[in-house]
Protein backbone atom coordinates (compact mmCIF):
# COMPACT_ATOMS: atom_id res chain seq x y z
CA UNK A 1 14.32 23.23 -5.75
CA UNK A 2 11.77 22.77 -8.52
CA UNK A 3 8.09 21.83 -8.21
CA UNK A 4 8.40 18.11 -9.18
CA UNK A 5 11.04 17.63 -6.48
CA UNK A 6 8.82 19.31 -3.87
CA UNK A 7 5.87 17.15 -4.97
CA UNK A 8 8.02 14.02 -4.83
CA UNK A 9 9.30 14.80 -1.35
CA UNK A 10 5.78 15.54 -0.10
CA UNK A 11 4.31 12.35 -1.64
CA UNK A 12 7.22 10.21 -0.45
CA UNK A 13 6.87 11.52 3.10
CA UNK A 14 3.10 10.99 2.95
CA UNK A 15 3.49 7.39 1.75
CA UNK A 16 6.16 6.55 4.32
CA UNK A 17 4.33 8.05 7.28
CA UNK A 18 0.95 6.60 6.35
CA UNK A 19 2.44 3.14 5.66
CA UNK A 20 4.15 3.23 9.04
CA UNK A 21 0.89 4.24 10.71
CA UNK A 22 -0.92 1.31 9.02
CA UNK A 23 1.29 -1.01 11.05
CA UNK A 24 1.34 0.98 14.29
CA UNK A 25 -2.16 2.36 14.77
CA UNK A 26 -4.22 0.53 17.38
CA UNK A 27 -7.52 0.97 15.50
CA UNK A 28 -8.35 -1.18 12.46
CA UNK A 29 -10.50 1.59 10.99
CA UNK A 30 -7.64 4.09 11.27
CA UNK A 31 -5.31 1.54 9.67
CA UNK A 32 -7.76 1.27 6.78
CA UNK A 33 -7.76 5.04 6.27
CA UNK A 34 -3.97 5.19 6.44
CA UNK A 35 -3.80 2.39 3.84
CA UNK A 36 -6.04 4.40 1.51
CA UNK A 37 -3.73 7.38 2.01
CA UNK A 38 -0.74 5.20 1.15
CA UNK A 39 -2.40 4.00 -2.05
CA UNK A 40 -3.29 7.56 -3.07
CA UNK A 41 0.29 8.71 -2.46
CA UNK A 42 1.68 5.91 -4.60
CA UNK A 43 -0.73 6.96 -7.36
CA UNK A 44 0.66 10.48 -7.07
CA UNK A 45 4.19 9.11 -7.44
CA UNK A 46 3.09 7.29 -10.59
CA UNK A 47 1.72 10.57 -11.96
CA UNK A 48 5.08 12.21 -11.29
CA UNK A 49 6.76 9.41 -13.25
CA UNK A 50 4.39 10.14 -16.16
CA UNK A 51 2.86 6.68 -15.84
CA UNK A 52 -0.71 7.90 -16.13
CA UNK A 53 -2.23 4.49 -16.75
CA UNK A 54 -0.58 2.98 -13.67
CA UNK A 55 -1.69 5.96 -11.59
CA UNK A 56 -5.28 5.56 -12.75
CA UNK A 57 -5.17 1.81 -12.06
CA UNK A 58 -3.68 2.48 -8.63
CA UNK A 59 -6.50 4.88 -7.79
CA UNK A 60 -9.32 2.79 -9.25
CA UNK A 61 -8.28 -0.69 -8.18
CA UNK A 62 -6.29 -0.21 -4.99
CA UNK A 63 -7.60 3.01 -3.50
CA UNK A 64 -11.11 2.19 -4.72
CA UNK A 65 -11.88 -1.49 -5.00
CA UNK A 66 -9.41 -3.00 -2.55
CA UNK A 67 -10.24 -0.40 0.08
CA UNK A 68 -13.95 -1.20 -0.40
CA UNK A 69 -13.20 -4.88 0.28
CA UNK A 70 -11.16 -3.97 3.37
CA UNK A 71 -13.96 -1.74 4.65
CA UNK A 72 -16.47 -4.56 4.10
CA UNK A 73 -14.16 -6.91 6.02
CA UNK A 74 -14.01 -4.43 8.89
CA UNK A 75 -17.79 -4.05 8.82
CA UNK A 76 -18.32 -7.83 8.80
CA UNK A 77 -15.94 -8.35 11.71
CA UNK A 78 -17.23 -8.64 15.23
CA UNK A 79 -15.96 -5.47 16.88
CA UNK A 80 -15.50 -7.30 20.19
CA UNK A 81 -12.77 -9.31 18.45
CA UNK A 82 -11.04 -6.12 17.29
CA UNK A 83 -10.11 -4.31 20.46
CA UNK A 84 -7.62 -1.47 20.14
CA UNK A 85 -4.79 -1.28 22.62
CA UNK A 86 -5.66 1.48 25.08
CA UNK A 87 -3.34 3.84 26.86
CA UNK A 88 -0.44 3.82 24.37
CA UNK A 89 0.25 7.11 22.74
CA UNK A 90 2.36 7.73 19.67
CA UNK A 91 5.53 8.26 21.71
CA UNK A 92 5.02 4.94 23.53
CA UNK A 93 4.47 3.17 20.22
CA UNK A 94 7.67 4.58 18.74
CA UNK A 95 9.61 3.47 21.81
CA UNK A 96 8.10 -0.02 21.87
CA UNK A 97 10.00 -2.95 20.42
CA UNK A 98 6.89 -4.31 18.72
CA UNK A 99 6.01 -1.40 16.45
CA UNK A 100 8.55 1.30 17.08
CA UNK A 101 12.29 1.09 17.01
CA UNK A 102 12.66 -2.39 15.48
CA UNK A 103 10.84 -1.67 12.19
CA UNK A 104 12.42 1.78 12.03
CA UNK A 105 15.88 0.25 12.51
CA UNK A 106 15.16 -2.28 9.75
CA UNK A 107 13.94 0.47 7.43
CA UNK A 108 17.06 2.52 8.21
CA UNK A 109 19.32 -0.43 7.34
CA UNK A 110 17.45 -0.95 4.05
CA UNK A 111 17.70 2.77 3.27
CA UNK A 112 21.46 2.74 3.87
CA UNK A 113 21.86 -0.34 1.65
CA UNK A 114 19.83 1.28 -1.14
CA UNK A 115 21.88 4.45 -0.90
CA UNK A 116 25.13 2.44 -1.09
CA UNK A 117 23.87 0.69 -4.21
CA UNK A 118 22.80 4.03 -5.66
CA UNK A 119 26.17 5.67 -4.98
CA UNK A 120 28.05 2.82 -6.59
CA UNK A 121 25.73 2.53 -9.59
CA UNK A 122 25.01 6.25 -10.13
CA UNK A 123 28.02 7.10 -12.36
CA UNK A 124 26.71 4.80 -15.10
CA UNK A 125 23.14 6.09 -14.95
CA UNK A 126 21.88 8.74 -17.36
CA UNK A 127 21.90 12.30 -16.05
CA UNK A 128 18.44 13.15 -17.38
CA UNK A 129 15.28 11.12 -16.76
CA UNK A 130 14.22 8.73 -19.47
CA UNK A 131 10.91 9.67 -21.05
CA UNK A 132 8.01 7.28 -20.62
CA UNK A 133 6.90 5.25 -23.61
CA UNK A 134 4.02 6.99 -25.42
CA UNK A 135 2.00 3.78 -25.72
CA UNK A 136 2.52 2.36 -22.25
CA UNK A 137 -1.18 1.53 -21.92
CA UNK A 138 -1.15 -0.80 -24.93
CA UNK A 139 2.09 -2.41 -23.74
CA UNK A 140 0.68 -3.07 -20.26
CA UNK A 141 -2.62 -4.33 -21.68
CA UNK A 142 -0.77 -6.68 -24.02
CA UNK A 143 1.30 -8.08 -21.17
CA UNK A 144 -1.67 -8.35 -18.80
CA UNK A 145 -3.98 -10.10 -21.25
CA UNK A 146 -1.21 -12.02 -22.98
CA UNK A 147 1.61 -13.59 -21.02
CA UNK A 148 0.22 -12.69 -17.56
CA UNK A 149 -3.42 -13.64 -18.16
CA UNK A 150 -3.28 -16.88 -16.16
CA UNK A 151 -1.62 -15.37 -13.02
CA UNK A 152 -4.12 -12.50 -13.20
CA UNK A 153 -7.07 -14.92 -13.22
CA UNK A 154 -5.54 -17.06 -10.44
CA UNK A 155 -5.16 -13.95 -8.27
CA UNK A 156 -8.79 -13.04 -8.99
CA UNK A 157 -10.03 -16.47 -7.92
CA UNK A 158 -7.89 -16.37 -4.75
CA UNK A 159 -9.27 -12.96 -3.80
CA UNK A 160 -12.82 -14.20 -4.39
CA UNK A 161 -12.18 -17.29 -2.24
CA UNK A 162 -10.73 -15.12 0.54
CA UNK A 163 -13.76 -12.84 0.49
CA UNK A 164 -16.20 -15.77 0.59
CA UNK A 165 -14.17 -17.30 3.43
CA UNK A 166 -14.32 -14.04 5.39
CA UNK A 167 -18.08 -13.88 4.96
CA UNK A 168 -18.48 -17.50 6.10
CA UNK A 169 -16.23 -16.99 9.12
CA UNK A 170 -18.09 -13.90 10.28
CA UNK A 171 -21.61 -15.10 9.49
CA UNK A 172 -23.88 -15.35 12.49
CA UNK A 173 -26.92 -17.54 12.92
CA UNK A 174 -29.26 -16.96 15.82
CA UNK A 175 -26.82 -14.71 17.66
CA UNK A 176 -24.03 -17.33 17.62
CA UNK A 177 -21.20 -17.87 15.23
CA UNK A 178 -21.69 -20.88 13.02
C-alpha cells in the first residue's frame, strides 16, 4: 500500500467519523469542532486530488470563515436554550434510533449502491488517474466570476441576511429578549 492510499484512507475515515459526530454529539460546541475537522479533512482530500486551489478555498472559506460565523452564532445563543442531552454515552447514541442505527443503515445502503455503480462502470474507466488541469485556478475563477456570478452574489446576500436575523433573534434589551 502506497503513501497516497494511506493518506486517503486516513482522511476519509477522519471525515466520515467527524461528520457523524457532528450529528450525534450532544454539545453544540463539540459539533462545531467536529465540523471544522470535517472541513479540514475534505481540504486534505482535495490536496490528494491535486486540486490545490479548491483545498486552499476549503481551508480559508469553510474551515476559516464559515466556522467563525458558526462560533459567533454559538456565542450569541442563549446557553439555556442549548442544553445537551445528559446521561447518554456513545454506545447509547449508536444504539438509539434517532442518531445511531438509522443514519448508519442509510449510509450503508448508499455505500452499497455506490459500490454497485462503481463495479458496473469500472471496466470503462481509465486505469490510471487523470492529471489535473494545470490552470484550474483560472478556469474556476472564470466560471465563478462569469456564468456563476449571480448565484454567488445571491448566496452572499442570503448568508448576510441569515447572520443579521440571528443577531436580531438573540439580541437582548434590559435582560429580556426583544
